[in-house]
Amino acid sequence: MALPPGVTVVLTLDNQDEDVTHSFTVWYLGDEVVHPYNPGGCLCGCEGSDSDPQQLGSPAVEGGTSHTFTFTSPPLLAYRSESLSRYTFWCEFHPDTMTGEFWVAGPGDLE
């Protein structure tokens, strides 16, 4: 998944596992080190993770329920020479198996 920087993102976590809790937490992958990501761009429904209350993410979403949050996509990181910034997301309850990545890309890099 790739996003341009600075756009509004509406994300709904729809937990269809009746007896399992899930969440969605975003981190920045920089120089092979994972950093907490706080966008300063949360518009609605964002909550921190258990480990970092300023972290972008969802609350715990119980089985059979959903949660929607809205945030502004991250900026490109000015100190990096690339026109792509890589972010990872995972479920705090299942971090070894429920993971993914998204990229923030500059103009012309989304094609």
C-alpha atoms as a PDB file:
ATOM      1  CA  MET A   1       0.000   0.000   0.000  1.00  0.00           C
ATOM      2  CA  ALA A   2       1.361   3.440  -0.893  1.00  0.00           C
ATOM      3  CA  LEU A   3       0.039   6.854   0.079  1.00  0.00           C
ATOM      4  CA  PRO A   4       1.006  10.381  -0.859  1.00  0.00           C
ATOM      5  CA  PRO A   5       2.095  12.507   2.120  1.00  0.00           C
ATOM      6  CA  GLY A   6      -0.437  14.695   3.893  1.00  0.00           C
ATOM      7  CA  VAL A   7      -3.694  13.072   2.776  1.00  0.00           C
ATOM      8  CA  THR A   8      -6.607  12.162   5.031  1.00  0.00           C
ATOM      9  CA  VAL A   9      -6.795   8.423   5.698  1.00  0.00           C
ATOM     10  CA  VAL A  10      -9.926   6.794   7.118  1.00  0.00           C
ATOM     11  CA  LEU A  11      -9.164   3.312   8.417  1.00  0.00           C
ATOM     12  CA  THR A  12     -11.672   0.851   9.842  1.00  0.00           C
ATOM     13  CA  LEU A  13     -10.497  -2.195  11.748  1.00  0.00           C
ATOM     14  CA  ASP A  14     -13.344  -4.710  11.400  1.00  0.00           C
ATOM     15  CA  ASN A  15     -12.660  -7.587  13.791  1.00  0.00           C
ATOM     16  CA  GLN A  16     -14.554 -10.617  12.527  1.00  0.00           C
ATOM     17  CA  ASP A  17     -12.830 -13.018  14.961  1.00  0.00           C
ATOM     18  CA  GLU A  18     -15.597 -13.454  17.530  1.00  0.00           C
ATOM     19  CA  ASP A  19     -13.400 -14.450  20.494  1.00  0.00           C
ATOM     20  CA  VAL A  20     -10.152 -12.627  19.661  1.00  0.00           C
ATOM     21  CA  THR A  21      -9.030  -9.046  20.331  1.00  0.00           C
ATOM     22  CA  HIS A  22      -7.042  -7.148  17.677  1.00  0.00           C
ATOM     23  CA  SER A  23      -5.506  -3.691  17.212  1.00  0.00           C
ATOM     24  CA  PHE A  24      -3.691  -1.611  14.569  1.00  0.00           C
ATOM     25  CA  THR A  25      -0.483   0.252  15.457  1.00  0.00           C
ATOM     26  CA  VAL A  26       1.824   2.189  13.090  1.00  0.00           C
ATOM     27  CA  TRP A  27       5.630   2.449  13.358  1.00  0.00           C
ATOM     28  CA  TYR A  28       8.288   4.061  11.160  1.00  0.00           C
ATOM     29  CA  LEU A  29      11.036   1.792   9.811  1.00  0.00           C
ATOM     30  CA  GLY A  30      14.166   3.904   9.614  1.00  0.00           C
ATOM     31  CA  ASP A  31      17.633   2.533   8.968  1.00  0.00           C
ATOM     32  CA  GLU A  32      16.424  -0.931  10.011  1.00  0.00           C
ATOM     33  CA  VAL A  33      15.342   0.435  13.403  1.00  0.00           C
ATOM     34  CA  VAL A  34      11.679   0.596  14.345  1.00  0.00           C
ATOM     35  CA  HIS A  35      10.578   3.961  15.775  1.00  0.00           C
ATOM     36  CA  PRO A  36       7.227   4.913  17.299  1.00  0.00           C
ATOM     37  CA  TYR A  37       5.210   7.037  14.923  1.00  0.00           C
ATOM     38  CA  ASN A  38       3.177   9.957  16.209  1.00  0.00           C
ATOM     39  CA  PRO A  39       1.808  11.854  13.250  1.00  0.00           C
ATOM     40  CA  GLY A  40       0.478  14.866  15.069  1.00  0.00           C
ATOM     41  CA  GLY A  41      -2.201  14.428  12.444  1.00  0.00           C
ATOM     42  CA  CYS A  42      -4.807  12.341  14.231  1.00  0.00           C
ATOM     43  CA  LEU A  43      -8.174  13.709  13.243  1.00  0.00           C
ATOM     44  CA  CYS A  44     -10.547  11.298  14.993  1.00  0.00           C
ATOM     45  CA  GLY A  45     -10.544   8.032  16.934  1.00  0.00           C
ATOM     46  CA  CYS A  46      -6.791   7.471  17.283  1.00  0.00           C
ATOM     47  CA  GLU A  47      -5.555   6.066  20.538  1.00  0.00           C
ATOM     48  CA  GLY A  48      -2.107   5.254  21.818  1.00  0.00           C
ATOM     49  CA  SER A  49      -0.711   1.799  22.231  1.00  0.00           C
ATOM     50  CA  ASP A  50      -0.154   0.218  25.632  1.00  0.00           C
ATOM     51  CA  SER A  51       3.589   0.845  25.312  1.00  0.00           C
ATOM     52  CA  ASP A  52       3.345   4.456  24.078  1.00  0.00           C
ATOM     53  CA  PRO A  53       0.225   6.561  24.690  1.00  0.00           C
ATOM     54  CA  GLN A  54       1.235   8.944  21.884  1.00  0.00           C
ATOM     55  CA  GLN A  55       1.446   6.121  19.343  1.00  0.00           C
ATOM     56  CA  LEU A  56      -0.846   6.198  16.312  1.00  0.00           C
ATOM     57  CA  GLY A  57      -3.198   3.265  16.476  1.00  0.00           C
ATOM     58  CA  SER A  58      -6.528   1.843  17.399  1.00  0.00           C
ATOM     59  CA  PRO A  59      -7.725   0.807  20.823  1.00  0.00           C
ATOM     60  CA  ALA A  60      -8.199  -2.890  21.518  1.00  0.00           C
ATOM     61  CA  VAL A  61     -11.007  -4.020  19.223  1.00  0.00           C
ATOM     62  CA  GLU A  62     -12.973  -6.907  20.694  1.00  0.00           C
ATOM     63  CA  GLY A  63     -14.241  -9.744  18.511  1.00  0.00           C
ATOM     64  CA  GLY A  64     -17.320  -8.927  16.458  1.00  0.00           C
ATOM     65  CA  THR A  65     -16.809  -5.146  16.695  1.00  0.00           C
ATOM     66  CA  SER A  66     -15.061  -2.491  14.620  1.00  0.00           C
ATOM     67  CA  HIS A  67     -13.284   0.808  15.165  1.00  0.00           C
ATOM     68  CA  THR A  68     -12.699   3.636  12.685  1.00  0.00           C
ATOM     69  CA  PHE A  69     -10.002   6.246  13.013  1.00  0.00           C
ATOM     70  CA  THR A  70      -8.922   9.084  10.753  1.00  0.00           C
ATOM     71  CA  PHE A  71      -5.427  10.504  10.441  1.00  0.00           C
ATOM     72  CA  THR A  72      -3.242  12.482   8.078  1.00  0.00           C
ATOM     73  CA  SER A  73      -0.706  10.342   6.210  1.00  0.00           C
ATOM     74  CA  PRO A  74       2.864  10.928   7.364  1.00  0.00           C
ATOM     75  CA  PRO A  75       5.197  13.364   5.636  1.00  0.00           C
ATOM     76  CA  LEU A  76       8.228  12.268   3.693  1.00  0.00           C
ATOM     77  CA  LEU A  77      11.186  12.424   6.035  1.00  0.00           C
ATOM     78  CA  ALA A  78      13.308  15.397   5.018  1.00  0.00           C
ATOM     79  CA  TYR A  79      16.631  13.984   6.217  1.00  0.00           C
ATOM     80  CA  ARG A  80      16.380  10.936   3.964  1.00  0.00           C
ATOM     81  CA  SER A  81      17.565  11.080   0.376  1.00  0.00           C
ATOM     82  CA  GLU A  82      14.903   8.688  -0.894  1.00  0.00           C
ATOM     83  CA  SER A  83      11.492   9.886  -1.991  1.00  0.00           C
ATOM     84  CA  LEU A  84       9.874   6.975  -0.109  1.00  0.00           C
ATOM     85  CA  SER A  85       9.360   6.503   3.634  1.00  0.00           C
ATOM     86  CA  ARG A  86       8.491   3.032   4.922  1.00  0.00           C
ATOM     87  CA  TYR A  87       6.085   2.369   7.777  1.00  0.00           C
ATOM     88  CA  THR A  88       4.992  -0.883   9.344  1.00  0.00           C
ATOM     89  CA  PHE A  89       1.792  -1.762  11.148  1.00  0.00           C
ATOM     90  CA  TRP A  90       0.810  -4.669  13.335  1.00  0.00           C
ATOM     91  CA  CYS A  91      -1.673  -6.005  15.820  1.00  0.00           C
ATOM     92  CA  GLU A  92      -0.317  -5.491  19.333  1.00  0.00           C
ATOM     93  CA  PHE A  93      -1.949  -8.755  20.382  1.00  0.00           C
ATOM     94  CA  HIS A  94      -0.426 -10.770  17.498  1.00  0.00           C
ATOM     95  CA  PRO A  95       2.755  -8.868  16.472  1.00  0.00           C
ATOM     96  CA  ASP A  96       4.512 -11.930  15.067  1.00  0.00           C
ATOM     97  CA  THR A  97       1.774 -12.904  12.622  1.00  0.00           C
ATOM     98  CA  MET A  98      -0.434  -9.882  11.881  1.00  0.00           C
ATOM     99  CA  THR A  99       1.842  -7.327  10.221  1.00  0.00           C
ATOM    100  CA  GLY A 100       2.082  -5.258   7.078  1.00  0.00           C
ATOM    101  CA  GLU A 101       3.786  -2.255   5.513  1.00  0.00           C
ATOM    102  CA  PHE A 102       2.827   0.919   3.760  1.00  0.00           C
ATOM    103  CA  TRP A 103       4.903   3.530   2.000  1.00  0.00           C
ATOM    104  CA  VAL A 104       4.596   7.285   1.818  1.00  0.00           C
ATOM    105  CA  ALA A 105       5.772   8.323  -1.619  1.00  0.00           C
ATOM    106  CA  GLY A 106       6.582  11.589  -3.320  1.00  0.00           C
ATOM    107  CA  PRO A 107       5.092  12.761  -6.617  1.00  0.00           C
ATOM    108  CA  GLY A 108       5.737  10.309  -9.431  1.00  0.00           C
ATOM    109  CA  ASP A 109       6.607   7.431  -7.087  1.00  0.00           C
ATOM    110  CA  LEU A 110       3.055   6.100  -6.724  1.00  0.00           C
ATOM    111  CA  GLU A 111       2.710   4.846 -10.302  1.00  0.00           C
END
